[in-house]
Amino acid sequence: MAIEVYWVSGSPFSWRVMLALEVKGLPYQAHLLEMSKRQHKTPEFLAINPRGEVPALRDGEVVVAESIAILAYLDRRYPEPPLFGRTPAEAAAIWQEVMQGALHVDRFEDFILPLYFGEVAAKEAEVKQAIPRIRAELDRLEKTLTDRAWLAGPALSAADLTVYPVIRSLLRAAEKPDAARFDHGFLPMAATWPNVVRWMGAVEALPGYDRTFPPHWRG
């Protein structure tokens, strides 16, 4: 039975899982849910994840929610190529970057979501407060990537799959017309964070990347 993944287009958390499945070359059946139709709240999906949140993955009798937990499961179940390293030192470095992504990069949503959902006027103060935090985190990533190809070392890892979708979502948000109301300085990103842009290009060159790209972002 093929792996099943339940996801929403544009969700960075869903995107992490899709990238992991492609990197590992695993066959899977993708169930694209439409939040506007509340498909994530149907009885059928709530039986899979009672929180009604994506992503969720079903592999035979195993059901896993939460994107990072899914990455960890996939790496244990299908260990090649490894997402969390082969040695204790590699695992520590990767988990460190994964957790920094979850605790700090994921907070970019304070800027992203108001722009996505037309809530800038109501959340203007929140958006402004997020900008210096985001710039500081991009500075940290830029420094991290100074002498390495990937976030946690010489090889692609779960750290890259965790962080990339949020950075790409940030760029999409910064391109929204309402973003011009703020002096965010995120565009062009290459002018300030060239190492981050180089790294993003490496992720985007991965085989299968195009299959994971949010369909509603095309065109």
N, C-alpha and C. Protein backbone atom coordinates (compact mmCIF):
# COMPACT_ATOMS: atom_id res chain seq x y z
N MET A 1 0.84 -1.20 0.00
CA MET A 1 0.00 0.00 0.00
C MET A 1 0.88 1.25 0.00
N ALA A 2 0.58 2.18 -0.88
CA ALA A 2 1.38 3.40 -0.99
C ALA A 2 1.17 4.29 0.23
N ILE A 3 2.19 5.05 0.53
CA ILE A 3 2.08 6.08 1.55
C ILE A 3 1.04 7.10 1.09
N GLU A 4 0.22 7.56 2.03
CA GLU A 4 -0.75 8.62 1.74
C GLU A 4 -0.36 9.85 2.54
N VAL A 5 -0.40 11.01 1.89
CA VAL A 5 -0.11 12.25 2.57
C VAL A 5 -1.25 13.23 2.31
N TYR A 6 -1.71 13.84 3.36
CA TYR A 6 -2.79 14.82 3.30
C TYR A 6 -2.15 16.19 3.48
N TRP A 7 -2.44 17.10 2.55
CA TRP A 7 -1.70 18.35 2.53
C TRP A 7 -2.56 19.48 2.00
N VAL A 8 -2.07 20.69 2.19
CA VAL A 8 -2.72 21.91 1.69
C VAL A 8 -1.69 22.68 0.87
N SER A 9 -2.09 23.14 -0.30
CA SER A 9 -1.20 23.91 -1.16
C SER A 9 -0.76 25.20 -0.47
N GLY A 10 0.55 25.41 -0.43
CA GLY A 10 1.10 26.62 0.18
C GLY A 10 1.43 26.48 1.65
N SER A 11 1.01 25.40 2.28
CA SER A 11 1.38 25.17 3.68
C SER A 11 2.85 24.77 3.76
N PRO A 12 3.70 25.56 4.43
CA PRO A 12 5.12 25.17 4.51
C PRO A 12 5.31 23.86 5.26
N PHE A 13 4.39 23.56 6.17
CA PHE A 13 4.50 22.32 6.94
C PHE A 13 4.21 21.12 6.05
N SER A 14 3.20 21.24 5.20
CA SER A 14 2.95 20.19 4.21
C SER A 14 4.12 20.04 3.25
N TRP A 15 4.67 21.18 2.85
CA TRP A 15 5.75 21.17 1.86
C TRP A 15 6.96 20.41 2.38
N ARG A 16 7.25 20.51 3.67
CA ARG A 16 8.36 19.75 4.25
C ARG A 16 8.22 18.26 3.96
N VAL A 17 7.04 17.77 4.17
CA VAL A 17 6.80 16.33 4.02
C VAL A 17 6.88 15.92 2.56
N MET A 18 6.30 16.73 1.68
CA MET A 18 6.36 16.42 0.25
C MET A 18 7.81 16.37 -0.23
N LEU A 19 8.62 17.32 0.22
CA LEU A 19 10.03 17.32 -0.16
C LEU A 19 10.73 16.07 0.35
N ALA A 20 10.44 15.68 1.58
CA ALA A 20 11.09 14.49 2.15
C ALA A 20 10.74 13.24 1.35
N LEU A 21 9.48 13.11 0.96
CA LEU A 21 9.06 11.95 0.17
C LEU A 21 9.78 11.92 -1.16
N GLU A 22 9.96 13.09 -1.78
CA GLU A 22 10.66 13.14 -3.06
C GLU A 22 12.15 12.84 -2.89
N VAL A 23 12.77 13.40 -1.86
CA VAL A 23 14.19 13.17 -1.62
C VAL A 23 14.46 11.68 -1.41
N LYS A 24 13.55 11.01 -0.72
CA LYS A 24 13.74 9.59 -0.45
C LYS A 24 13.25 8.71 -1.60
N GLY A 25 12.65 9.32 -2.60
CA GLY A 25 12.19 8.55 -3.76
C GLY A 25 11.08 7.59 -3.44
N LEU A 26 10.21 7.96 -2.51
CA LEU A 26 9.14 7.07 -2.08
C LEU A 26 7.86 7.31 -2.88
N PRO A 27 7.22 6.26 -3.34
CA PRO A 27 5.92 6.44 -4.00
C PRO A 27 4.88 6.84 -2.96
N TYR A 28 4.01 7.77 -3.33
CA TYR A 28 3.00 8.21 -2.38
C TYR A 28 1.77 8.70 -3.12
N GLN A 29 0.66 8.66 -2.42
CA GLN A 29 -0.59 9.19 -2.93
C GLN A 29 -0.88 10.49 -2.19
N ALA A 30 -0.99 11.57 -2.93
CA ALA A 30 -1.19 12.89 -2.33
C ALA A 30 -2.67 13.25 -2.34
N HIS A 31 -3.18 13.60 -1.17
CA HIS A 31 -4.56 14.05 -1.04
C HIS A 31 -4.53 15.55 -0.76
N LEU A 32 -4.82 16.35 -1.78
CA LEU A 32 -4.82 17.80 -1.64
C LEU A 32 -6.15 18.25 -1.06
N LEU A 33 -6.10 18.87 0.12
CA LEU A 33 -7.31 19.35 0.79
C LEU A 33 -7.48 20.84 0.53
N GLU A 34 -8.71 21.28 0.38
CA GLU A 34 -9.01 22.69 0.19
C GLU A 34 -9.60 23.25 1.47
N MET A 35 -8.85 24.14 2.11
CA MET A 35 -9.31 24.70 3.37
C MET A 35 -10.56 25.56 3.19
N SER A 36 -10.67 26.20 2.01
CA SER A 36 -11.85 27.03 1.76
C SER A 36 -13.13 26.21 1.76
N LYS A 37 -13.00 24.92 1.47
CA LYS A 37 -14.14 24.01 1.50
C LYS A 37 -14.20 23.23 2.82
N ARG A 38 -13.28 23.58 3.73
CA ARG A 38 -13.22 22.94 5.06
C ARG A 38 -13.04 21.42 4.96
N GLN A 39 -12.27 21.02 3.95
CA GLN A 39 -12.02 19.59 3.79
C GLN A 39 -11.13 19.03 4.90
N HIS A 40 -10.42 19.93 5.62
CA HIS A 40 -9.60 19.49 6.74
C HIS A 40 -10.43 19.28 8.01
N LYS A 41 -11.72 19.56 7.92
CA LYS A 41 -12.60 19.40 9.09
C LYS A 41 -13.70 18.36 8.84
N THR A 42 -13.56 17.61 7.77
CA THR A 42 -14.56 16.58 7.50
C THR A 42 -14.40 15.42 8.48
N PRO A 43 -15.45 14.67 8.74
CA PRO A 43 -15.31 13.50 9.63
C PRO A 43 -14.23 12.54 9.16
N GLU A 44 -14.09 12.40 7.84
CA GLU A 44 -13.10 11.45 7.30
C GLU A 44 -11.69 11.89 7.67
N PHE A 45 -11.40 13.19 7.52
CA PHE A 45 -10.05 13.64 7.85
C PHE A 45 -9.84 13.73 9.35
N LEU A 46 -10.85 14.11 10.10
CA LEU A 46 -10.71 14.18 11.56
C LEU A 46 -10.45 12.80 12.16
N ALA A 47 -10.87 11.75 11.45
CA ALA A 47 -10.55 10.40 11.91
C ALA A 47 -9.07 10.10 11.76
N ILE A 48 -8.41 10.81 10.83
CA ILE A 48 -6.97 10.66 10.62
C ILE A 48 -6.19 11.56 11.56
N ASN A 49 -6.60 12.83 11.65
CA ASN A 49 -5.98 13.77 12.58
C ASN A 49 -7.09 14.56 13.28
N PRO A 50 -7.40 14.22 14.51
CA PRO A 50 -8.50 14.88 15.23
C PRO A 50 -8.34 16.39 15.37
N ARG A 51 -7.12 16.90 15.23
CA ARG A 51 -6.93 18.35 15.29
C ARG A 51 -7.34 19.05 13.99
N GLY A 52 -7.54 18.27 12.94
CA GLY A 52 -7.93 18.87 11.68
C GLY A 52 -6.84 19.71 11.06
N GLU A 53 -5.59 19.30 11.24
CA GLU A 53 -4.45 20.06 10.74
C GLU A 53 -3.65 19.22 9.76
N VAL A 54 -3.02 19.91 8.81
CA VAL A 54 -2.12 19.23 7.87
C VAL A 54 -0.69 19.65 8.18
N PRO A 55 0.25 18.79 7.80
CA PRO A 55 0.10 17.54 7.08
C PRO A 55 -0.25 16.38 8.01
N ALA A 56 -0.73 15.33 7.37
CA ALA A 56 -0.88 14.04 8.05
C ALA A 56 -0.45 12.97 7.07
N LEU A 57 0.15 11.93 7.59
CA LEU A 57 0.68 10.86 6.75
C LEU A 57 0.17 9.53 7.25
N ARG A 58 -0.22 8.68 6.31
CA ARG A 58 -0.64 7.32 6.66
C ARG A 58 0.21 6.36 5.86
N ASP A 59 0.85 5.44 6.57
CA ASP A 59 1.71 4.43 5.97
C ASP A 59 1.28 3.09 6.51
N GLY A 60 0.39 2.42 5.78
CA GLY A 60 -0.18 1.20 6.31
C GLY A 60 -1.03 1.51 7.53
N GLU A 61 -0.69 0.91 8.66
CA GLU A 61 -1.45 1.13 9.88
C GLU A 61 -0.91 2.30 10.70
N VAL A 62 0.19 2.87 10.27
CA VAL A 62 0.81 3.98 11.00
C VAL A 62 0.29 5.31 10.49
N VAL A 63 -0.19 6.14 11.40
CA VAL A 63 -0.65 7.49 11.07
C VAL A 63 0.17 8.48 11.89
N VAL A 64 0.72 9.49 11.23
CA VAL A 64 1.56 10.48 11.90
C VAL A 64 1.11 11.87 11.48
N ALA A 65 0.99 12.76 12.46
CA ALA A 65 0.75 14.17 12.20
C ALA A 65 1.96 14.95 12.69
N GLU A 66 1.97 16.25 12.41
CA GLU A 66 3.07 17.17 12.74
C GLU A 66 4.25 16.91 11.80
N SER A 67 4.63 17.95 11.08
CA SER A 67 5.58 17.78 9.98
C SER A 67 6.93 17.22 10.42
N ILE A 68 7.49 17.69 11.51
CA ILE A 68 8.81 17.21 11.93
C ILE A 68 8.73 15.78 12.42
N ALA A 69 7.64 15.43 13.10
CA ALA A 69 7.44 14.04 13.51
C ALA A 69 7.36 13.14 12.28
N ILE A 70 6.73 13.62 11.22
CA ILE A 70 6.63 12.83 9.99
C ILE A 70 8.01 12.64 9.38
N LEU A 71 8.82 13.69 9.37
CA LEU A 71 10.19 13.54 8.84
C LEU A 71 10.96 12.50 9.63
N ALA A 72 10.82 12.54 10.96
CA ALA A 72 11.53 11.57 11.81
C ALA A 72 11.04 10.15 11.54
N TYR A 73 9.72 9.99 11.38
CA TYR A 73 9.18 8.67 11.08
C TYR A 73 9.71 8.15 9.75
N LEU A 74 9.64 8.98 8.72
CA LEU A 74 10.10 8.54 7.40
C LEU A 74 11.56 8.13 7.43
N ASP A 75 12.36 8.84 8.23
CA ASP A 75 13.78 8.52 8.27
C ASP A 75 14.04 7.20 8.97
N ARG A 76 13.24 6.88 9.98
CA ARG A 76 13.40 5.58 10.64
C ARG A 76 12.87 4.45 9.77
N ARG A 77 11.76 4.70 9.12
CA ARG A 77 11.10 3.65 8.33
C ARG A 77 11.82 3.41 7.01
N TYR A 78 12.33 4.48 6.41
CA TYR A 78 12.99 4.41 5.10
C TYR A 78 14.31 5.17 5.22
N PRO A 79 15.35 4.53 5.74
CA PRO A 79 16.54 5.26 6.18
C PRO A 79 17.45 5.82 5.10
N GLU A 80 17.23 5.49 3.84
CA GLU A 80 18.11 6.01 2.79
C GLU A 80 17.36 6.92 1.82
N PRO A 81 17.97 8.02 1.45
CA PRO A 81 19.13 8.66 2.09
C PRO A 81 18.73 9.26 3.43
N PRO A 82 19.65 9.31 4.38
CA PRO A 82 19.29 9.77 5.73
C PRO A 82 18.99 11.26 5.77
N LEU A 83 17.98 11.62 6.54
CA LEU A 83 17.63 13.03 6.76
C LEU A 83 18.17 13.55 8.07
N PHE A 84 18.50 12.64 8.99
CA PHE A 84 18.97 13.05 10.31
C PHE A 84 20.38 12.55 10.61
N GLY A 85 21.17 12.34 9.55
CA GLY A 85 22.57 11.99 9.72
C GLY A 85 22.81 10.53 9.98
N ARG A 86 24.09 10.19 10.02
CA ARG A 86 24.50 8.81 10.26
C ARG A 86 25.24 8.65 11.58
N THR A 87 25.70 9.74 12.16
CA THR A 87 26.45 9.67 13.41
C THR A 87 25.76 10.53 14.47
N PRO A 88 26.09 10.30 15.74
CA PRO A 88 25.51 11.15 16.79
C PRO A 88 25.81 12.63 16.58
N ALA A 89 27.02 12.94 16.15
CA ALA A 89 27.37 14.35 15.93
C ALA A 89 26.55 14.95 14.80
N GLU A 90 26.37 14.19 13.72
CA GLU A 90 25.56 14.69 12.60
C GLU A 90 24.11 14.88 13.03
N ALA A 91 23.58 13.91 13.78
CA ALA A 91 22.20 14.02 14.25
C ALA A 91 22.02 15.24 15.13
N ALA A 92 22.97 15.51 16.00
CA ALA A 92 22.88 16.67 16.89
C ALA A 92 22.86 17.97 16.10
N ALA A 93 23.76 18.08 15.11
CA ALA A 93 23.82 19.29 14.30
C ALA A 93 22.53 19.50 13.52
N ILE A 94 21.98 18.42 12.99
CA ILE A 94 20.74 18.52 12.21
C ILE A 94 19.57 18.88 13.10
N TRP A 95 19.44 18.19 14.25
CA TRP A 95 18.33 18.49 15.15
C TRP A 95 18.43 19.91 15.68
N GLN A 96 19.62 20.39 15.89
CA GLN A 96 19.78 21.77 16.35
C GLN A 96 19.18 22.74 15.34
N GLU A 97 19.50 22.55 14.05
CA GLU A 97 18.96 23.44 13.02
C GLU A 97 17.46 23.22 12.81
N VAL A 98 17.01 21.99 12.93
CA VAL A 98 15.57 21.72 12.82
C VAL A 98 14.81 22.46 13.91
N MET A 99 15.32 22.40 15.14
CA MET A 99 14.62 23.05 16.24
C MET A 99 14.71 24.57 16.15
N GLN A 100 15.83 25.08 15.67
CA GLN A 100 15.91 26.52 15.47
C GLN A 100 14.90 26.96 14.39
N GLY A 101 14.74 26.11 13.40
CA GLY A 101 13.73 26.40 12.39
C GLY A 101 12.33 26.42 12.98
N ALA A 102 12.03 25.40 13.78
CA ALA A 102 10.69 25.29 14.37
C ALA A 102 10.41 26.41 15.36
N LEU A 103 11.42 26.83 16.10
CA LEU A 103 11.21 27.82 17.16
C LEU A 103 11.33 29.26 16.67
N HIS A 104 12.11 29.48 15.62
CA HIS A 104 12.38 30.85 15.18
C HIS A 104 11.92 31.13 13.75
N VAL A 105 12.29 30.27 12.81
CA VAL A 105 11.90 30.51 11.42
C VAL A 105 10.39 30.38 11.26
N ASP A 106 9.78 29.43 11.94
CA ASP A 106 8.33 29.27 11.82
C ASP A 106 7.59 30.53 12.27
N ARG A 107 8.22 31.34 13.09
CA ARG A 107 7.58 32.58 13.55
C ARG A 107 7.51 33.65 12.46
N PHE A 108 8.11 33.37 11.32
CA PHE A 108 7.97 34.28 10.17
C PHE A 108 6.50 34.43 9.79
N GLU A 109 5.67 33.50 10.24
CA GLU A 109 4.25 33.56 9.90
C GLU A 109 3.58 34.83 10.42
N ASP A 110 4.19 35.48 11.42
CA ASP A 110 3.62 36.75 11.90
C ASP A 110 3.65 37.82 10.81
N PHE A 111 4.59 37.70 9.89
CA PHE A 111 4.65 38.58 8.71
C PHE A 111 3.87 37.98 7.55
N ILE A 112 4.02 36.68 7.36
CA ILE A 112 3.48 36.02 6.18
C ILE A 112 1.95 35.97 6.17
N LEU A 113 1.36 35.48 7.24
CA LEU A 113 -0.07 35.20 7.22
C LEU A 113 -0.94 36.44 7.04
N PRO A 114 -0.65 37.57 7.72
CA PRO A 114 -1.49 38.75 7.46
C PRO A 114 -1.46 39.18 5.99
N LEU A 115 -0.32 39.01 5.33
CA LEU A 115 -0.23 39.37 3.92
C LEU A 115 -0.96 38.36 3.04
N TYR A 116 -0.93 37.11 3.41
CA TYR A 116 -1.63 36.09 2.64
C TYR A 116 -3.15 36.29 2.71
N PHE A 117 -3.62 36.66 3.90
CA PHE A 117 -5.07 36.65 4.13
C PHE A 117 -5.69 38.04 4.21
N GLY A 118 -4.98 39.05 3.71
CA GLY A 118 -5.54 40.39 3.64
C GLY A 118 -5.85 41.00 4.99
N GLU A 119 -5.00 40.71 5.98
CA GLU A 119 -5.25 41.20 7.34
C GLU A 119 -4.21 42.22 7.79
N VAL A 120 -3.53 42.84 6.84
CA VAL A 120 -2.45 43.76 7.17
C VAL A 120 -2.94 44.95 7.99
N ALA A 121 -4.07 45.50 7.61
CA ALA A 121 -4.58 46.68 8.33
C ALA A 121 -4.87 46.34 9.78
N ALA A 122 -5.44 45.18 10.02
CA ALA A 122 -5.79 44.79 11.38
C ALA A 122 -4.58 44.35 12.20
N LYS A 123 -3.53 43.88 11.51
CA LYS A 123 -2.37 43.34 12.22
C LYS A 123 -1.09 44.09 11.86
N GLU A 124 -1.21 45.37 11.56
CA GLU A 124 -0.05 46.15 11.13
C GLU A 124 1.06 46.16 12.17
N ALA A 125 0.71 46.33 13.43
CA ALA A 125 1.73 46.37 14.50
C ALA A 125 2.45 45.04 14.59
N GLU A 126 1.71 43.95 14.47
CA GLU A 126 2.30 42.61 14.54
C GLU A 126 3.28 42.39 13.39
N VAL A 127 2.90 42.84 12.20
CA VAL A 127 3.77 42.68 11.04
C VAL A 127 5.05 43.49 11.22
N LYS A 128 4.93 44.73 11.68
CA LYS A 128 6.11 45.57 11.89
C LYS A 128 7.04 44.96 12.92
N GLN A 129 6.50 44.41 13.97
CA GLN A 129 7.33 43.81 15.02
C GLN A 129 8.06 42.57 14.53
N ALA A 130 7.47 41.89 13.56
CA ALA A 130 8.09 40.66 13.05
C ALA A 130 9.31 40.94 12.19
N ILE A 131 9.35 42.08 11.53
CA ILE A 131 10.40 42.34 10.53
C ILE A 131 11.81 42.28 11.11
N PRO A 132 12.13 42.98 12.21
CA PRO A 132 13.51 42.88 12.72
C PRO A 132 13.87 41.48 13.18
N ARG A 133 12.92 40.74 13.70
CA ARG A 133 13.19 39.35 14.10
C ARG A 133 13.53 38.50 12.90
N ILE A 134 12.79 38.70 11.82
CA ILE A 134 13.04 37.93 10.61
C ILE A 134 14.39 38.29 10.01
N ARG A 135 14.71 39.56 9.97
CA ARG A 135 16.00 39.98 9.43
C ARG A 135 17.15 39.39 10.24
N ALA A 136 17.00 39.37 11.56
CA ALA A 136 18.05 38.80 12.42
C ALA A 136 18.22 37.31 12.15
N GLU A 137 17.12 36.61 11.93
CA GLU A 137 17.20 35.18 11.66
C GLU A 137 17.79 34.92 10.28
N LEU A 138 17.46 35.74 9.31
CA LEU A 138 18.07 35.61 7.98
C LEU A 138 19.57 35.88 8.07
N ASP A 139 19.96 36.82 8.90
CA ASP A 139 21.39 37.08 9.11
C ASP A 139 22.09 35.85 9.68
N ARG A 140 21.42 35.18 10.62
CA ARG A 140 22.01 33.97 11.20
C ARG A 140 22.16 32.88 10.15
N LEU A 141 21.13 32.69 9.34
CA LEU A 141 21.20 31.69 8.29
C LEU A 141 22.28 32.03 7.27
N GLU A 142 22.39 33.31 6.93
CA GLU A 142 23.43 33.75 5.99
C GLU A 142 24.81 33.38 6.51
N LYS A 143 25.05 33.62 7.79
CA LYS A 143 26.34 33.29 8.39
C LYS A 143 26.56 31.79 8.43
N THR A 144 25.52 31.05 8.78
CA THR A 144 25.62 29.59 8.82
C THR A 144 26.02 29.02 7.48
N LEU A 145 25.51 29.61 6.41
CA LEU A 145 25.73 29.09 5.07
C LEU A 145 26.98 29.66 4.40
N THR A 146 27.79 30.39 5.14
CA THR A 146 28.99 30.99 4.57
C THR A 146 29.95 29.96 4.02
N ASP A 147 30.16 28.90 4.76
CA ASP A 147 31.18 27.91 4.37
C ASP A 147 30.62 26.50 4.22
N ARG A 148 29.33 26.40 3.94
CA ARG A 148 28.74 25.08 3.74
C ARG A 148 27.62 25.15 2.73
N ALA A 149 27.35 24.03 2.08
CA ALA A 149 26.31 23.99 1.06
C ALA A 149 24.92 23.87 1.67
N TRP A 150 24.85 23.18 2.82
CA TRP A 150 23.56 22.91 3.45
C TRP A 150 23.58 23.39 4.90
N LEU A 151 22.41 23.53 5.49
CA LEU A 151 22.32 24.18 6.80
C LEU A 151 23.06 23.46 7.91
N ALA A 152 23.06 22.14 7.88
CA ALA A 152 23.63 21.41 9.01
C ALA A 152 24.90 20.65 8.65
N GLY A 153 25.51 20.98 7.50
CA GLY A 153 26.73 20.28 7.13
C GLY A 153 26.85 20.09 5.64
N PRO A 154 27.63 19.11 5.21
CA PRO A 154 27.90 18.95 3.78
C PRO A 154 26.79 18.27 2.99
N ALA A 155 25.80 17.69 3.68
CA ALA A 155 24.75 16.96 2.98
C ALA A 155 23.38 17.55 3.27
N LEU A 156 22.48 17.43 2.31
CA LEU A 156 21.08 17.79 2.51
C LEU A 156 20.53 17.04 3.72
N SER A 157 19.71 17.70 4.51
CA SER A 157 19.16 17.04 5.70
C SER A 157 17.77 17.56 6.00
N ALA A 158 17.20 17.03 7.07
CA ALA A 158 15.89 17.49 7.54
C ALA A 158 15.90 18.97 7.87
N ALA A 159 17.05 19.51 8.23
CA ALA A 159 17.14 20.94 8.53
C ALA A 159 16.75 21.78 7.32
N ASP A 160 17.27 21.41 6.17
CA ASP A 160 16.98 22.15 4.94
C ASP A 160 15.50 22.03 4.56
N LEU A 161 14.95 20.83 4.73
CA LEU A 161 13.55 20.61 4.37
C LEU A 161 12.62 21.32 5.34
N THR A 162 13.07 21.53 6.57
CA THR A 162 12.27 22.24 7.56
C THR A 162 12.24 23.74 7.28
N VAL A 163 13.38 24.31 6.95
CA VAL A 163 13.50 25.76 6.85
C VAL A 163 13.11 26.30 5.48
N TYR A 164 13.48 25.61 4.42
CA TYR A 164 13.26 26.15 3.08
C TYR A 164 11.82 26.60 2.82
N PRO A 165 10.80 25.77 3.09
CA PRO A 165 9.44 26.20 2.72
C PRO A 165 9.01 27.51 3.38
N VAL A 166 9.49 27.77 4.58
CA VAL A 166 9.11 29.01 5.26
C VAL A 166 9.79 30.21 4.60
N ILE A 167 11.07 30.05 4.23
CA ILE A 167 11.78 31.15 3.55
C ILE A 167 11.11 31.44 2.21
N ARG A 168 10.74 30.40 1.49
CA ARG A 168 10.07 30.61 0.19
C ARG A 168 8.72 31.27 0.39
N SER A 169 8.02 30.92 1.45
CA SER A 169 6.74 31.55 1.75
C SER A 169 6.93 33.03 2.11
N LEU A 170 8.04 33.32 2.80
CA LEU A 170 8.34 34.71 3.13
C LEU A 170 8.51 35.54 1.85
N LEU A 171 9.21 34.99 0.87
CA LEU A 171 9.40 35.72 -0.38
C LEU A 171 8.07 35.96 -1.08
N ARG A 172 7.21 34.98 -1.09
CA ARG A 172 5.90 35.16 -1.72
C ARG A 172 5.10 36.25 -1.00
N ALA A 173 5.16 36.25 0.32
CA ALA A 173 4.44 37.28 1.08
C ALA A 173 5.01 38.67 0.79
N ALA A 174 6.35 38.75 0.69
CA ALA A 174 7.00 40.04 0.46
C ALA A 174 6.67 40.61 -0.91
N GLU A 175 6.24 39.76 -1.82
CA GLU A 175 5.87 40.21 -3.16
C GLU A 175 4.42 40.70 -3.24
N LYS A 176 3.65 40.50 -2.18
CA LYS A 176 2.26 40.97 -2.17
C LYS A 176 2.23 42.50 -2.18
N PRO A 177 1.24 43.10 -2.88
CA PRO A 177 1.18 44.56 -2.92
C PRO A 177 1.17 45.22 -1.54
N ASP A 178 0.47 44.65 -0.58
CA ASP A 178 0.39 45.25 0.76
C ASP A 178 1.74 45.27 1.48
N ALA A 179 2.66 44.43 1.04
CA ALA A 179 3.97 44.39 1.70
C ALA A 179 4.74 45.69 1.47
N ALA A 180 4.40 46.42 0.42
CA ALA A 180 5.08 47.67 0.12
C ALA A 180 4.83 48.73 1.19
N ARG A 181 3.87 48.48 2.07
CA ARG A 181 3.60 49.41 3.16
C ARG A 181 4.69 49.38 4.22
N PHE A 182 5.54 48.36 4.16
CA PHE A 182 6.54 48.15 5.20
C PHE A 182 7.95 48.24 4.64
N ASP A 183 8.85 48.79 5.42
CA ASP A 183 10.26 48.86 5.03
C ASP A 183 10.95 47.58 5.50
N HIS A 184 10.62 46.47 4.81
CA HIS A 184 11.11 45.17 5.27
C HIS A 184 12.48 44.82 4.70
N GLY A 185 12.79 45.23 3.50
CA GLY A 185 14.10 44.97 2.91
C GLY A 185 14.34 43.54 2.51
N PHE A 186 13.26 42.75 2.36
CA PHE A 186 13.44 41.34 2.01
C PHE A 186 13.71 41.13 0.52
N LEU A 187 13.39 42.12 -0.30
CA LEU A 187 13.56 42.01 -1.75
C LEU A 187 14.49 43.11 -2.26
N PRO A 188 15.39 42.80 -3.17
CA PRO A 188 15.73 41.42 -3.60
C PRO A 188 16.57 40.73 -2.53
N MET A 189 16.24 39.53 -2.21
CA MET A 189 16.91 38.83 -1.12
C MET A 189 18.39 38.63 -1.40
N ALA A 190 18.75 38.44 -2.66
CA ALA A 190 20.15 38.18 -3.01
C ALA A 190 21.06 39.36 -2.67
N ALA A 191 20.48 40.56 -2.58
CA ALA A 191 21.30 41.73 -2.28
C ALA A 191 21.83 41.72 -0.86
N THR A 192 21.09 41.12 0.05
CA THR A 192 21.48 41.11 1.46
C THR A 192 21.87 39.74 1.96
N TRP A 193 21.25 38.71 1.42
CA TRP A 193 21.49 37.34 1.91
C TRP A 193 21.82 36.41 0.73
N PRO A 194 22.94 36.64 0.05
CA PRO A 194 23.27 35.83 -1.14
C PRO A 194 23.48 34.36 -0.83
N ASN A 195 24.01 34.03 0.33
CA ASN A 195 24.21 32.62 0.66
C ASN A 195 22.87 31.91 0.83
N VAL A 196 21.90 32.60 1.40
CA VAL A 196 20.57 32.02 1.55
C VAL A 196 19.95 31.76 0.19
N VAL A 197 20.11 32.71 -0.72
CA VAL A 197 19.55 32.54 -2.07
C VAL A 197 20.24 31.40 -2.81
N ARG A 198 21.55 31.28 -2.66
CA ARG A 198 22.28 30.16 -3.28
C ARG A 198 21.76 28.84 -2.75
N TRP A 199 21.59 28.76 -1.45
CA TRP A 199 21.08 27.53 -0.81
C TRP A 199 19.67 27.21 -1.29
N MET A 200 18.82 28.23 -1.40
CA MET A 200 17.47 28.01 -1.91
C MET A 200 17.51 27.42 -3.32
N GLY A 201 18.42 27.93 -4.14
CA GLY A 201 18.57 27.39 -5.49
C GLY A 201 18.94 25.92 -5.49
N ALA A 202 19.77 25.52 -4.52
CA ALA A 202 20.16 24.11 -4.43
C ALA A 202 18.96 23.24 -4.07
N VAL A 203 18.11 23.71 -3.17
CA VAL A 203 16.89 22.97 -2.84
C VAL A 203 15.99 22.87 -4.07
N GLU A 204 15.84 23.97 -4.77
CA GLU A 204 14.95 24.01 -5.93
C GLU A 204 15.47 23.17 -7.09
N ALA A 205 16.73 22.79 -7.06
CA ALA A 205 17.31 21.93 -8.10
C ALA A 205 17.16 20.45 -7.78
N LEU A 206 16.61 20.13 -6.62
CA LEU A 206 16.46 18.72 -6.24
C LEU A 206 15.50 18.01 -7.18
N PRO A 207 15.80 16.75 -7.54
CA PRO A 207 14.84 15.98 -8.34
C PRO A 207 13.50 15.88 -7.61
N GLY A 208 12.43 16.11 -8.32
CA GLY A 208 11.11 16.01 -7.72
C GLY A 208 10.60 17.30 -7.09
N TYR A 209 11.46 18.32 -7.02
CA TYR A 209 11.04 19.57 -6.39
C TYR A 209 9.78 20.13 -7.06
N ASP A 210 9.74 20.10 -8.38
CA ASP A 210 8.61 20.70 -9.10
C ASP A 210 7.28 20.04 -8.70
N ARG A 211 7.31 18.75 -8.36
CA ARG A 211 6.07 18.07 -7.97
C ARG A 211 5.56 18.55 -6.61
N THR A 212 6.44 19.16 -5.83
CA THR A 212 6.03 19.62 -4.50
C THR A 212 5.59 21.08 -4.50
N PHE A 213 5.82 21.79 -5.58
CA PHE A 213 5.56 23.23 -5.61
C PHE A 213 4.06 23.49 -5.47
N PRO A 214 3.68 24.43 -4.62
CA PRO A 214 2.24 24.68 -4.40
C PRO A 214 1.51 24.96 -5.70
N PRO A 215 0.53 24.16 -6.03
CA PRO A 215 -0.13 24.33 -7.34
C PRO A 215 -0.82 25.68 -7.50
N HIS A 216 -1.32 26.26 -6.42
CA HIS A 216 -2.03 27.53 -6.60
C HIS A 216 -1.07 28.71 -6.72
N TRP A 217 0.25 28.46 -6.56
CA TRP A 217 1.24 29.52 -6.78
C TRP A 217 1.64 29.60 -8.26
N ARG A 218 1.27 28.62 -9.06
CA ARG A 218 1.70 28.60 -10.45
C ARG A 218 0.86 29.60 -11.28
N GLY A 219 1.48 30.06 -12.33
CA GLY A 219 0.74 30.91 -13.25
C GLY A 219 0.72 32.38 -12.83
